[in-house]
Amino acid sequence: MGGLRRRAAIAAAGIGLAIVSGCPGLRADETPATCSKEEFESAVEAAAGSLRDLNNQNRPVFQEKLRELKEKRHWSHDDFIAQAKPFVKDDKTAVYDKTADELLSAIASMGQEGSAAAAPDCALLLELRARMKLLVDTQSAKWIYMFEKLDAELAK
């Protein structure tokens, strides 16, 4: 998992965005000559799908691990609510959430701008895809961080 963790951390830091998700072999400095409005719409839909998949994959496993910790520590329901909070919300997750919110706002704006333009701006599409990749990478890094905290607590 070290390689995945490192890749996610690098991506979350904004490094390595030259390769754009969904465009094999296409680099950020290589703007395509033509693009369509539909590509803007499908790019946003693809990012939303990736985020849904990421959450659907991680949420059940994370919740099960939280339940394991609850049983291990013999927490009551009320104790569990209070004690589990630091595993999902702390200063570092707040940074991930703030970054994700900013990226979501930019992605929504760019998607609307691109699909509403009379002539699609292919450089904008490339930037949109780069931000969507960063968003997915940021959310992946957040999940990795939360799992690491929880796994460390379960190992005690």
Protein backbone atom coordinates (compact mmCIF):
# COMPACT_ATOMS: atom_id res chain seq x y z
CA MET A 1 0.00 0.00 0.00
CA GLY A 2 3.04 2.28 0.33
CA GLY A 3 3.14 2.92 -3.43
CA LEU A 4 -0.57 3.76 -3.53
CA ARG A 5 -0.21 6.02 -0.50
CA ARG A 6 2.75 7.83 -2.06
CA ARG A 7 0.96 8.23 -5.43
CA ALA A 8 -2.13 9.63 -3.74
CA ALA A 9 -0.07 12.02 -1.64
CA ILE A 10 1.84 13.24 -4.69
CA ALA A 11 -1.37 13.70 -6.65
CA ALA A 12 -3.04 15.46 -3.74
CA ALA A 13 -0.12 17.86 -3.60
CA GLY A 14 -0.80 18.74 -7.22
CA ILE A 15 2.33 17.06 -8.58
CA GLY A 16 2.10 14.91 -11.65
CA LEU A 17 -0.95 16.50 -13.24
CA ALA A 18 0.71 16.50 -16.63
CA ILE A 19 -1.03 13.25 -17.51
CA VAL A 20 -4.71 13.93 -17.71
CA SER A 21 -7.26 11.34 -16.65
CA GLY A 22 -9.33 9.96 -19.46
CA CYS A 23 -6.87 11.00 -22.15
CA PRO A 24 -4.23 8.28 -22.47
CA GLY A 25 -0.96 9.75 -23.67
CA LEU A 26 -2.31 13.30 -23.63
CA ARG A 27 -0.19 15.73 -21.66
CA ALA A 28 -1.40 19.03 -20.21
CA ASP A 29 0.87 20.91 -22.60
CA GLU A 30 -0.66 19.13 -25.60
CA THR A 31 -4.05 20.75 -26.16
CA PRO A 32 -6.20 18.84 -28.67
CA ALA A 33 -7.15 20.72 -31.81
CA THR A 34 -10.86 19.99 -31.46
CA CYS A 35 -13.24 19.04 -28.72
CA SER A 36 -16.99 19.07 -28.23
CA LYS A 37 -19.49 20.40 -25.72
CA GLU A 38 -20.48 16.82 -24.98
CA GLU A 39 -16.92 16.09 -23.85
CA PHE A 40 -17.30 18.73 -21.12
CA GLU A 41 -20.53 17.15 -19.92
CA SER A 42 -19.17 13.62 -20.04
CA ALA A 43 -15.98 14.67 -18.28
CA VAL A 44 -17.96 16.00 -15.31
CA GLU A 45 -20.15 12.89 -15.29
CA ALA A 46 -17.06 10.67 -15.33
CA ALA A 47 -15.58 12.46 -12.31
CA ALA A 48 -18.86 12.15 -10.43
CA GLY A 49 -18.94 8.45 -11.23
CA SER A 50 -15.35 7.98 -10.06
CA LEU A 51 -16.12 9.71 -6.77
CA ARG A 52 -19.25 7.60 -6.28
CA ASP A 53 -17.29 4.43 -6.96
CA LEU A 54 -14.52 5.50 -4.59
CA ASN A 55 -17.01 6.19 -1.80
CA ASN A 56 -19.02 3.03 -2.46
CA GLN A 57 -15.84 0.98 -2.34
CA ASN A 58 -14.40 2.53 0.84
CA ARG A 59 -17.38 3.52 2.99
CA PRO A 60 -18.64 0.01 3.88
CA VAL A 61 -15.13 -1.23 4.76
CA PHE A 62 -14.45 1.87 6.83
CA GLN A 63 -17.76 1.57 8.68
CA GLU A 64 -17.06 -2.08 9.43
CA LYS A 65 -13.66 -1.18 10.87
CA LEU A 66 -15.31 1.51 13.02
CA ARG A 67 -17.73 -1.13 14.33
CA GLU A 68 -14.77 -3.40 15.10
CA LEU A 69 -13.19 -0.60 17.10
CA LYS A 70 -16.47 0.03 18.92
CA GLU A 71 -16.64 -3.63 19.94
CA LYS A 72 -12.96 -3.77 20.86
CA ARG A 73 -13.29 -0.70 23.11
CA HIS A 74 -16.75 -1.70 24.42
CA TRP A 75 -18.16 1.73 23.58
CA SER A 76 -21.82 2.46 24.09
CA HIS A 77 -23.70 4.00 21.17
CA ASP A 78 -23.21 7.51 22.59
CA ASP A 79 -19.53 6.84 23.29
CA PHE A 80 -19.13 5.54 19.77
CA ILE A 81 -20.54 8.71 18.22
CA ALA A 82 -18.11 10.85 20.20
CA GLN A 83 -15.09 8.54 19.93
CA ALA A 84 -15.44 7.84 16.20
CA LYS A 85 -15.56 11.50 15.19
CA PRO A 86 -11.75 12.04 15.17
CA PHE A 87 -11.40 9.22 12.63
CA VAL A 88 -13.52 11.06 10.10
CA LYS A 89 -13.02 14.70 11.02
CA ASP A 90 -9.80 16.35 12.14
CA ASP A 91 -7.52 19.15 10.95
CA LYS A 92 -6.07 17.07 8.12
CA THR A 93 -9.43 15.82 6.82
CA ALA A 94 -10.64 19.42 6.97
CA VAL A 95 -7.84 20.35 4.55
CA TYR A 96 -8.83 17.50 2.23
CA ASP A 97 -12.47 18.63 2.42
CA LYS A 98 -11.59 22.27 1.73
CA THR A 99 -9.49 21.26 -1.28
CA ALA A 100 -12.29 19.02 -2.56
CA ASP A 101 -14.88 21.81 -2.14
CA GLU A 102 -12.69 24.25 -4.06
CA LEU A 103 -12.10 21.72 -6.82
CA LEU A 104 -15.81 20.85 -7.04
CA SER A 105 -16.68 24.51 -7.38
CA ALA A 106 -14.09 25.03 -10.12
CA ILE A 107 -15.14 21.84 -11.92
CA ALA A 108 -18.81 22.81 -11.90
CA SER A 109 -18.00 26.28 -13.20
CA MET A 110 -15.64 25.01 -15.89
CA GLY A 111 -18.10 22.32 -16.95
CA GLN A 112 -20.91 24.86 -17.36
CA GLU A 113 -18.64 27.31 -19.13
CA GLY A 114 -17.37 24.64 -21.52
CA SER A 115 -20.74 23.18 -22.37
CA ALA A 116 -22.33 26.62 -22.83
CA ALA A 117 -19.59 28.11 -25.02
CA ALA A 118 -20.33 28.72 -28.68
CA ALA A 119 -16.95 27.17 -29.56
CA PRO A 120 -15.57 24.72 -27.00
CA ASP A 121 -12.22 25.69 -25.47
CA CYS A 122 -10.11 22.53 -25.61
CA ALA A 123 -7.52 23.97 -23.23
CA LEU A 124 -10.35 24.47 -20.70
CA LEU A 125 -11.41 20.85 -21.20
CA LEU A 126 -7.86 19.75 -20.48
CA GLU A 127 -7.78 21.86 -17.31
CA LEU A 128 -11.18 20.50 -16.29
CA ARG A 129 -9.93 16.93 -16.61
CA ALA A 130 -6.78 17.78 -14.64
CA ARG A 131 -8.85 19.25 -11.79
CA MET A 132 -11.15 16.24 -11.80
CA LYS A 133 -8.15 13.92 -11.52
CA LEU A 134 -6.85 16.01 -8.64
CA LEU A 135 -10.26 15.80 -6.96
CA VAL A 136 -10.34 12.01 -7.22
CA ASP A 137 -6.73 11.81 -6.03
CA THR A 138 -7.51 14.12 -3.10
CA GLN A 139 -10.45 11.98 -2.04
CA SER A 140 -8.32 8.83 -2.41
CA ALA A 141 -5.64 10.37 -0.21
CA LYS A 142 -8.27 11.26 2.40
CA TRP A 143 -9.55 7.67 2.48
CA ILE A 144 -5.99 6.36 2.82
CA TYR A 145 -5.33 8.75 5.69
CA MET A 146 -8.56 7.83 7.52
CA PHE A 147 -7.89 4.10 7.08
CA GLU A 148 -4.34 4.51 8.39
CA LYS A 149 -5.60 6.24 11.52
CA LEU A 150 -8.26 3.62 12.09
CA ASP A 151 -5.94 0.68 11.39
CA ALA A 152 -3.37 2.09 13.83
CA GLU A 153 -6.05 2.34 16.51
CA LEU A 154 -7.28 -1.18 15.85
CA ALA A 155 -3.71 -2.50 16.15
CA LYS A 156 -3.33 -1.10 19.69
